[in-house]
Every structure is written in structure tokens, then in C-alpha cells.
Amino acid sequence: MTVAGAIRRRRASRPHLPLFVLVLLFSTLTPRTSALRVPLRHAATLVSLSHSLLSCAAITRVARGDAAAAARVRRIASLLSSRGAWGLGWDYLRHYAFSSAIGCGLSCAVAASRLIAAVAQASRLRSATDAAQWMRLHYDDICDVATQLLNGLLLAFSEEGPLREVFMDIKWEVEEGELLKDCLEVGAKDLKGLLVIAKDLFAGVSRTSTQHSEL
């Protein structure tokens, strides 16, 4: 989406995820009912896109003079850096690798699909005027859908730790800091890529849960 005065995107380098690779590979050895399994190729992509998107959001917040808001987003991005990924991977291994991820399923997949449709629509806008009008009409609705999605993730990642902290901070930024607006302005394609992966993961959880209940 084109926005007047938008800052040039600066892509962050793709973080290395040795612990995530080890954790997710090991966790697939034990079958889990309704578990949120993240294939290795998706784990690296999710972290990389999230880090890049949040870093760009921080840059645009600095540009409009909101240093405090930029610092909050940078803090979340740091948890998704190569160093922070070790903590996320250990948290996943400790609390979730061998348990069910209750809360992520069909409702989250539906929410992700609705967000994908909204982001796709926003990305086709070609002028700042059209973008501003679209935001006025639709932003509150997509924030509500994003909150539904994040609430499902918080149900799934219920133990105190870096993973839950990331989702809690993102939820606050969506509800109070207009994070979705920043992301739409600086990285609609990255946001859509994240949501497509998330939708596929949630749909997979829903199918696994349904198959298990039919046995």
C-alpha cells in the first residue's frame, strides 16, 4: 500500500534459529493431539518476517517523533532476533513441545483468513487518500479480528515465558498502539505472508483435532 511520506523499507537479515530447528524437529517425534506444530521451514520464515516487519514499524514511529512507541516495538523485535530466538525455542521446548495447544484451531484460522482478505484489499490501494479512507472505514474491524486471533494464541501459549510475552505485547500494541496501521503502511506483503502461514497452521490443528475426536 502506498502512503505519502512512507519510509524506505529496510529488511532485517534472516535470523539463525539453531535451537528452534532442534526443538521443532525433536517435538515432531511425539504425537500430540491438537498441537500447534510448526514445520521447520515455517518457523524460520515466521520469525524472520515478524522481526523485519516490527523493525520497520519502529523506524516509521521514530520518523513521526514517537520514540517511546518505537522502543516498545523494538523490544518485541529483539525477542524475535537471532539471540532472542534461543529463549523462544527453550520456552517452547519446556512448556509446549509435548502438550496440546488448546485455543488455536478453526476460530483462529477463520480470523487469519479474514485478516488476509483485509490486508490484500489494503495492499491494492494506490494513493494516500484512498489508504486513509480505507483505514477510517475498516481499521476498527480488523483490529477486532486481530484481537480474536491473538486471544486464541494466548490460550494456546498459557505459560509465563517469552512466547506468551511476545503475544501479550503484540496484543497491547494492536489494541492501544495502532500496530496494525504501522504494519500495513510499511509491510503489507510481509504481514500477508505471516497470516497465510498462520492460517495454514491453525487449519492443520483444527483438522487434527477433528480426526482425533472421530476415532
C-alpha atoms as a PDB file:
ATOM      1  CA  MET A   1       0.000   0.000   0.000  1.00  0.00           C
ATOM      2  CA  THR A   2       1.400   3.406  -0.985  1.00  0.00           C
ATOM      3  CA  VAL A   3       1.365   6.041   1.757  1.00  0.00           C
ATOM      4  CA  ALA A   4       2.695   9.592   1.390  1.00  0.00           C
ATOM      5  CA  GLY A   5       5.936  10.048   3.278  1.00  0.00           C
ATOM      6  CA  ALA A   6       6.451   6.325   3.824  1.00  0.00           C
ATOM      7  CA  ILE A   7       9.917   5.354   4.925  1.00  0.00           C
ATOM      8  CA  ARG A   8      12.047   3.143   2.737  1.00  0.00           C
ATOM      9  CA  ARG A   9      11.855  -0.424   3.928  1.00  0.00           C
ATOM     10  CA  ARG A  10      14.972  -1.905   5.452  1.00  0.00           C
ATOM     11  CA  ARG A  11      14.827  -5.657   5.613  1.00  0.00           C
ATOM     12  CA  ALA A  12      16.405  -7.251   8.628  1.00  0.00           C
ATOM     13  CA  SER A  13      18.712 -10.165   7.968  1.00  0.00           C
ATOM     14  CA  ARG A  14      17.125 -13.581   8.345  1.00  0.00           C
ATOM     15  CA  PRO A  15      17.855 -14.783  11.888  1.00  0.00           C
ATOM     16  CA  HIS A  16      19.568 -18.066  12.527  1.00  0.00           C
ATOM     17  CA  LEU A  17      17.414 -20.479  14.518  1.00  0.00           C
ATOM     18  CA  PRO A  18      19.538 -23.441  15.620  1.00  0.00           C
ATOM     19  CA  LEU A  19      17.542 -24.076  18.785  1.00  0.00           C
ATOM     20  CA  PHE A  20      14.211 -23.716  17.007  1.00  0.00           C
ATOM     21  CA  VAL A  21      15.366 -26.286  14.474  1.00  0.00           C
ATOM     22  CA  LEU A  22      16.396 -28.696  17.215  1.00  0.00           C
ATOM     23  CA  VAL A  23      13.263 -28.137  19.290  1.00  0.00           C
ATOM     24  CA  LEU A  24      10.769 -28.446  16.466  1.00  0.00           C
ATOM     25  CA  LEU A  25      12.495 -31.468  14.971  1.00  0.00           C
ATOM     26  CA  PHE A  26      12.562 -33.215  18.334  1.00  0.00           C
ATOM     27  CA  SER A  27       8.971 -32.307  19.156  1.00  0.00           C
ATOM     28  CA  THR A  28       7.643 -33.959  15.999  1.00  0.00           C
ATOM     29  CA  LEU A  29       8.786 -37.338  17.319  1.00  0.00           C
ATOM     30  CA  THR A  30       5.954 -37.415  19.873  1.00  0.00           C
ATOM     31  CA  PRO A  31       2.358 -37.334  18.530  1.00  0.00           C
ATOM     32  CA  ARG A  32       0.250 -34.622  20.140  1.00  0.00           C
ATOM     33  CA  THR A  33      -3.486 -34.043  19.929  1.00  0.00           C
ATOM     34  CA  SER A  34      -4.493 -30.599  18.628  1.00  0.00           C
ATOM     35  CA  ALA A  35      -0.910 -29.372  18.955  1.00  0.00           C
ATOM     36  CA  LEU A  36       0.304 -26.282  17.145  1.00  0.00           C
ATOM     37  CA  ARG A  37       3.083 -27.885  15.131  1.00  0.00           C
ATOM     38  CA  VAL A  38       5.309 -25.502  13.191  1.00  0.00           C
ATOM     39  CA  PRO A  39       7.259 -27.075  10.295  1.00  0.00           C
ATOM     40  CA  LEU A  40      10.922 -26.097  10.284  1.00  0.00           C
ATOM     41  CA  ARG A  41      10.667 -24.104   7.063  1.00  0.00           C
ATOM     42  CA  HIS A  42       7.794 -22.105   8.530  1.00  0.00           C
ATOM     43  CA  ALA A  43       9.473 -21.421  11.886  1.00  0.00           C
ATOM     44  CA  ALA A  44      12.361 -19.516  10.311  1.00  0.00           C
ATOM     45  CA  THR A  45      10.027 -17.634   7.962  1.00  0.00           C
ATOM     46  CA  LEU A  46       7.622 -16.631  10.745  1.00  0.00           C
ATOM     47  CA  VAL A  47      10.422 -15.274  12.925  1.00  0.00           C
ATOM     48  CA  SER A  48      12.208 -13.527  10.052  1.00  0.00           C
ATOM     49  CA  LEU A  49       9.087 -11.815   8.686  1.00  0.00           C
ATOM     50  CA  SER A  50       7.949 -10.793  12.177  1.00  0.00           C
ATOM     51  CA  HIS A  51      11.339  -9.318  13.043  1.00  0.00           C
ATOM     52  CA  SER A  52      11.551  -7.436   9.737  1.00  0.00           C
ATOM     53  CA  LEU A  53       8.006  -6.090   9.984  1.00  0.00           C
ATOM     54  CA  LEU A  54       8.370  -4.894  13.574  1.00  0.00           C
ATOM     55  CA  SER A  55      11.758  -3.308  12.865  1.00  0.00           C
ATOM     56  CA  CYS A  56      10.220  -1.324  10.006  1.00  0.00           C
ATOM     57  CA  ALA A  57       7.296  -0.314  12.220  1.00  0.00           C
ATOM     58  CA  ALA A  58       9.800   1.003  14.776  1.00  0.00           C
ATOM     59  CA  ILE A  59      11.514   3.064  12.077  1.00  0.00           C
ATOM     60  CA  THR A  60       8.280   4.696  10.979  1.00  0.00           C
ATOM     61  CA  ARG A  61       7.392   5.501  14.600  1.00  0.00           C
ATOM     62  CA  VAL A  62      10.751   7.230  15.054  1.00  0.00           C
ATOM     63  CA  ALA A  63      10.108   9.212  11.859  1.00  0.00           C
ATOM     64  CA  ARG A  64       6.885  10.640  13.260  1.00  0.00           C
ATOM     65  CA  GLY A  65       8.616  11.525  16.537  1.00  0.00           C
ATOM     66  CA  ASP A  66       7.236   8.807  18.796  1.00  0.00           C
ATOM     67  CA  ALA A  67      10.408   7.424  20.349  1.00  0.00           C
ATOM     68  CA  ALA A  68       8.630   5.664  23.220  1.00  0.00           C
ATOM     69  CA  ALA A  69       6.346   3.732  20.852  1.00  0.00           C
ATOM     70  CA  ALA A  70       9.335   2.835  18.671  1.00  0.00           C
ATOM     71  CA  ALA A  71      11.204   1.489  21.709  1.00  0.00           C
ATOM     72  CA  ARG A  72       8.266  -0.757  22.612  1.00  0.00           C
ATOM     73  CA  VAL A  73       8.209  -2.307  19.149  1.00  0.00           C
ATOM     74  CA  ARG A  74      11.998  -2.686  19.090  1.00  0.00           C
ATOM     75  CA  ARG A  75      11.748  -4.611  22.343  1.00  0.00           C
ATOM     76  CA  ILE A  76       9.326  -7.083  20.756  1.00  0.00           C
ATOM     77  CA  ALA A  77      11.526  -7.333  17.671  1.00  0.00           C
ATOM     78  CA  SER A  78      14.535  -8.116  19.872  1.00  0.00           C
ATOM     79  CA  LEU A  79      12.716 -11.202  21.164  1.00  0.00           C
ATOM     80  CA  LEU A  80      12.473 -12.322  17.531  1.00  0.00           C
ATOM     81  CA  SER A  81      16.141 -11.688  16.739  1.00  0.00           C
ATOM     82  CA  SER A  82      18.713 -14.464  16.435  1.00  0.00           C
ATOM     83  CA  ARG A  83      19.609 -14.030  20.111  1.00  0.00           C
ATOM     84  CA  GLY A  84      16.015 -13.845  21.299  1.00  0.00           C
ATOM     85  CA  ALA A  85      15.035 -16.921  19.272  1.00  0.00           C
ATOM     86  CA  TRP A  86      17.042 -19.093  21.664  1.00  0.00           C
ATOM     87  CA  GLY A  87      14.781 -18.023  24.522  1.00  0.00           C
ATOM     88  CA  LEU A  88      11.646 -18.637  22.454  1.00  0.00           C
ATOM     89  CA  GLY A  89      12.867 -22.074  21.441  1.00  0.00           C
ATOM     90  CA  TRP A  90      13.679 -23.073  25.010  1.00  0.00           C
ATOM     91  CA  ASP A  91      10.286 -21.805  26.190  1.00  0.00           C
ATOM     92  CA  TYR A  92       8.570 -23.911  23.511  1.00  0.00           C
ATOM     93  CA  LEU A  93      10.591 -26.996  24.480  1.00  0.00           C
ATOM     94  CA  ARG A  94       9.915 -26.549  28.179  1.00  0.00           C
ATOM     95  CA  HIS A  95       6.186 -25.823  28.070  1.00  0.00           C
ATOM     96  CA  TYR A  96       4.645 -26.802  24.745  1.00  0.00           C
ATOM     97  CA  ALA A  97       6.668 -29.387  22.811  1.00  0.00           C
ATOM     98  CA  PHE A  98       4.802 -32.331  24.348  1.00  0.00           C
ATOM     99  CA  SER A  99       1.447 -30.754  25.170  1.00  0.00           C
ATOM    100  CA  SER A 100      -1.658 -29.741  23.258  1.00  0.00           C
ATOM    101  CA  ALA A 101      -2.032 -26.133  22.112  1.00  0.00           C
ATOM    102  CA  ILE A 102      -5.607 -25.561  23.182  1.00  0.00           C
ATOM    103  CA  GLY A 103      -7.119 -22.431  21.683  1.00  0.00           C
ATOM    104  CA  CYS A 104      -5.524 -22.443  18.233  1.00  0.00           C
ATOM    105  CA  GLY A 105      -7.848 -24.049  15.743  1.00  0.00           C
ATOM    106  CA  LEU A 106     -10.746 -23.288  13.442  1.00  0.00           C
ATOM    107  CA  SER A 107     -11.650 -19.932  15.029  1.00  0.00           C
ATOM    108  CA  CYS A 108      -8.068 -18.711  14.653  1.00  0.00           C
ATOM    109  CA  ALA A 109      -7.920 -19.977  11.065  1.00  0.00           C
ATOM    110  CA  VAL A 110     -11.118 -18.066  10.255  1.00  0.00           C
ATOM    111  CA  ALA A 111      -9.745 -14.912  11.883  1.00  0.00           C
ATOM    112  CA  ALA A 112      -6.495 -15.237   9.943  1.00  0.00           C
ATOM    113  CA  SER A 113      -8.436 -15.668   6.685  1.00  0.00           C
ATOM    114  CA  ARG A 114     -10.421 -12.508   7.367  1.00  0.00           C
ATOM    115  CA  LEU A 115      -7.230 -10.582   8.067  1.00  0.00           C
ATOM    116  CA  ILE A 116      -5.617 -11.904   4.884  1.00  0.00           C
ATOM    117  CA  ALA A 117      -8.570 -10.626   2.851  1.00  0.00           C
ATOM    118  CA  ALA A 118      -8.349  -7.198   4.523  1.00  0.00           C
ATOM    119  CA  VAL A 119      -4.593  -6.917   4.036  1.00  0.00           C
ATOM    120  CA  ALA A 120      -4.917  -7.953   0.380  1.00  0.00           C
ATOM    121  CA  GLN A 121      -7.522  -5.244  -0.123  1.00  0.00           C
ATOM    122  CA  ALA A 122      -5.364  -2.633   1.596  1.00  0.00           C
ATOM    123  CA  SER A 123      -2.291  -3.578  -0.441  1.00  0.00           C
ATOM    124  CA  ARG A 124      -4.133  -2.753  -3.674  1.00  0.00           C
ATOM    125  CA  LEU A 125      -4.704   0.871  -2.680  1.00  0.00           C
ATOM    126  CA  ARG A 126      -2.601   3.236  -4.740  1.00  0.00           C
ATOM    127  CA  SER A 127      -2.900   6.640  -3.081  1.00  0.00           C
ATOM    128  CA  ALA A 128      -2.538   8.104   0.386  1.00  0.00           C
ATOM    129  CA  THR A 129      -6.080   9.450   0.169  1.00  0.00           C
ATOM    130  CA  ASP A 130      -7.532   6.028  -0.614  1.00  0.00           C
ATOM    131  CA  ALA A 131      -5.429   4.480   2.163  1.00  0.00           C
ATOM    132  CA  ALA A 132      -6.622   7.000   4.730  1.00  0.00           C
ATOM    133  CA  GLN A 133     -10.263   6.491   3.749  1.00  0.00           C
ATOM    134  CA  TRP A 134      -9.904   2.709   3.871  1.00  0.00           C
ATOM    135  CA  MET A 135      -8.342   2.929   7.338  1.00  0.00           C
ATOM    136  CA  ARG A 136     -11.232   5.048   8.631  1.00  0.00           C
ATOM    137  CA  LEU A 137     -13.784   2.556   7.351  1.00  0.00           C
ATOM    138  CA  HIS A 138     -12.124  -0.745   8.224  1.00  0.00           C
ATOM    139  CA  TYR A 139      -9.397  -0.346  10.830  1.00  0.00           C
ATOM    140  CA  ASP A 140     -11.549  -0.941  13.924  1.00  0.00           C
ATOM    141  CA  ASP A 141     -12.979  -4.126  12.401  1.00  0.00           C
ATOM    142  CA  ILE A 142      -9.596  -5.617  11.507  1.00  0.00           C
ATOM    143  CA  CYS A 143      -8.293  -4.740  14.974  1.00  0.00           C
ATOM    144  CA  ASP A 144     -11.182  -6.720  16.480  1.00  0.00           C
ATOM    145  CA  VAL A 145     -10.362  -9.709  14.273  1.00  0.00           C
ATOM    146  CA  ALA A 146      -6.661  -9.464  15.149  1.00  0.00           C
ATOM    147  CA  THR A 147      -7.571  -9.409  18.847  1.00  0.00           C
ATOM    148  CA  GLN A 148      -9.630 -12.579  18.370  1.00  0.00           C
ATOM    149  CA  LEU A 149      -6.633 -14.244  16.759  1.00  0.00           C
ATOM    150  CA  LEU A 150      -4.239 -13.124  19.484  1.00  0.00           C
ATOM    151  CA  ASN A 151      -6.626 -14.254  22.232  1.00  0.00           C
ATOM    152  CA  GLY A 152      -6.537 -17.736  20.697  1.00  0.00           C
ATOM    153  CA  LEU A 153      -2.746 -17.681  20.731  1.00  0.00           C
ATOM    154  CA  LEU A 154      -2.705 -16.572  24.359  1.00  0.00           C
ATOM    155  CA  LEU A 155      -4.959 -19.514  25.232  1.00  0.00           C
ATOM    156  CA  ALA A 156      -2.532 -21.806  23.452  1.00  0.00           C
ATOM    157  CA  PHE A 157       0.610 -20.295  24.976  1.00  0.00           C
ATOM    158  CA  SER A 158      -0.676 -20.007  28.512  1.00  0.00           C
ATOM    159  CA  GLU A 159       2.548 -20.491  30.499  1.00  0.00           C
ATOM    160  CA  GLU A 160       4.559 -17.457  31.572  1.00  0.00           C
ATOM    161  CA  GLY A 161       7.593 -17.054  29.339  1.00  0.00           C
ATOM    162  CA  PRO A 162       8.974 -15.335  26.213  1.00  0.00           C
ATOM    163  CA  LEU A 163       6.378 -16.773  23.805  1.00  0.00           C
ATOM    164  CA  ARG A 164       3.432 -15.557  25.846  1.00  0.00           C
ATOM    165  CA  GLU A 165       5.204 -12.250  26.454  1.00  0.00           C
ATOM    166  CA  VAL A 166       5.562 -11.672  22.707  1.00  0.00           C
ATOM    167  CA  PHE A 167       1.862 -12.268  22.049  1.00  0.00           C
ATOM    168  CA  MET A 168       0.768 -10.172  25.038  1.00  0.00           C
ATOM    169  CA  ASP A 169       2.934  -7.259  23.897  1.00  0.00           C
ATOM    170  CA  ILE A 170       1.694  -7.529  20.320  1.00  0.00           C
ATOM    171  CA  LYS A 171      -1.914  -7.648  21.539  1.00  0.00           C
ATOM    172  CA  TRP A 172      -1.375  -4.460  23.556  1.00  0.00           C
ATOM    173  CA  GLU A 173       0.220  -2.731  20.572  1.00  0.00           C
ATOM    174  CA  VAL A 174      -2.659  -3.765  18.300  1.00  0.00           C
ATOM    175  CA  GLU A 175      -5.302  -2.540  20.752  1.00  0.00           C
ATOM    176  CA  GLU A 176      -3.565   0.578  22.063  1.00  0.00           C
ATOM    177  CA  GLY A 177      -0.695   1.460  19.731  1.00  0.00           C
ATOM    178  CA  GLU A 178      -2.181   1.069  16.230  1.00  0.00           C
ATOM    179  CA  LEU A 179       0.442  -1.516  15.341  1.00  0.00           C
ATOM    180  CA  LEU A 180      -1.671  -2.913  12.506  1.00  0.00           C
ATOM    181  CA  LYS A 181      -1.779   0.508  10.877  1.00  0.00           C
ATOM    182  CA  ASP A 182       2.020   0.766  11.033  1.00  0.00           C
ATOM    183  CA  CYS A 183       2.438  -2.724   9.608  1.00  0.00           C
ATOM    184  CA  LEU A 184       0.007  -2.048   6.775  1.00  0.00           C
ATOM    185  CA  GLU A 185       1.902   1.101   5.864  1.00  0.00           C
ATOM    186  CA  VAL A 186       5.409  -0.348   5.863  1.00  0.00           C
ATOM    187  CA  GLY A 187       4.962  -4.036   5.103  1.00  0.00           C
ATOM    188  CA  ALA A 188       1.585  -5.236   3.853  1.00  0.00           C
ATOM    189  CA  LYS A 189       3.216  -8.065   1.870  1.00  0.00           C
ATOM    190  CA  ASP A 190       5.157  -9.325   4.897  1.00  0.00           C
ATOM    191  CA  LEU A 191       2.024  -9.107   7.035  1.00  0.00           C
ATOM    192  CA  LYS A 192       0.065 -11.097   4.455  1.00  0.00           C
ATOM    193  CA  GLY A 193       2.848 -13.712   4.338  1.00  0.00           C
ATOM    194  CA  LEU A 194       2.723 -14.118   8.115  1.00  0.00           C
ATOM    195  CA  LEU A 195      -1.037 -14.508   8.101  1.00  0.00           C
ATOM    196  CA  VAL A 196      -1.033 -17.081   5.293  1.00  0.00           C
ATOM    197  CA  ILE A 197       1.402 -19.280   7.247  1.00  0.00           C
ATOM    198  CA  ALA A 198      -0.602 -18.792  10.453  1.00  0.00           C
ATOM    199  CA  LYS A 199      -3.882 -19.692   8.748  1.00  0.00           C
ATOM    200  CA  ASP A 200      -2.394 -22.935   7.393  1.00  0.00           C
ATOM    201  CA  LEU A 201      -1.055 -23.862  10.837  1.00  0.00           C
ATOM    202  CA  PHE A 202      -4.373 -23.189  12.578  1.00  0.00           C
ATOM    203  CA  ALA A 203      -6.295 -25.091   9.918  1.00  0.00           C
ATOM    204  CA  GLY A 204      -3.959 -28.049  10.408  1.00  0.00           C
ATOM    205  CA  VAL A 205      -4.616 -28.024  14.151  1.00  0.00           C
ATOM    206  CA  SER A 206      -8.360 -27.991  13.510  1.00  0.00           C
ATOM    207  CA  ARG A 207      -8.150 -30.960  11.117  1.00  0.00           C
ATOM    208  CA  THR A 208      -6.004 -32.937  13.571  1.00  0.00           C
ATOM    209  CA  SER A 209      -8.413 -32.249  16.421  1.00  0.00           C
ATOM    210  CA  THR A 210     -11.430 -33.290  14.306  1.00  0.00           C
ATOM    211  CA  GLN A 211      -9.764 -36.514  13.181  1.00  0.00           C
ATOM    212  CA  HIS A 212      -8.853 -37.401  16.761  1.00  0.00           C
ATOM    213  CA  SER A 213     -12.406 -36.785  18.023  1.00  0.00           C
ATOM    214  CA  GLU A 214     -13.772 -39.121  15.332  1.00  0.00           C
ATOM    215  CA  LEU A 215     -11.576 -42.037  16.427  1.00  0.00           C
END
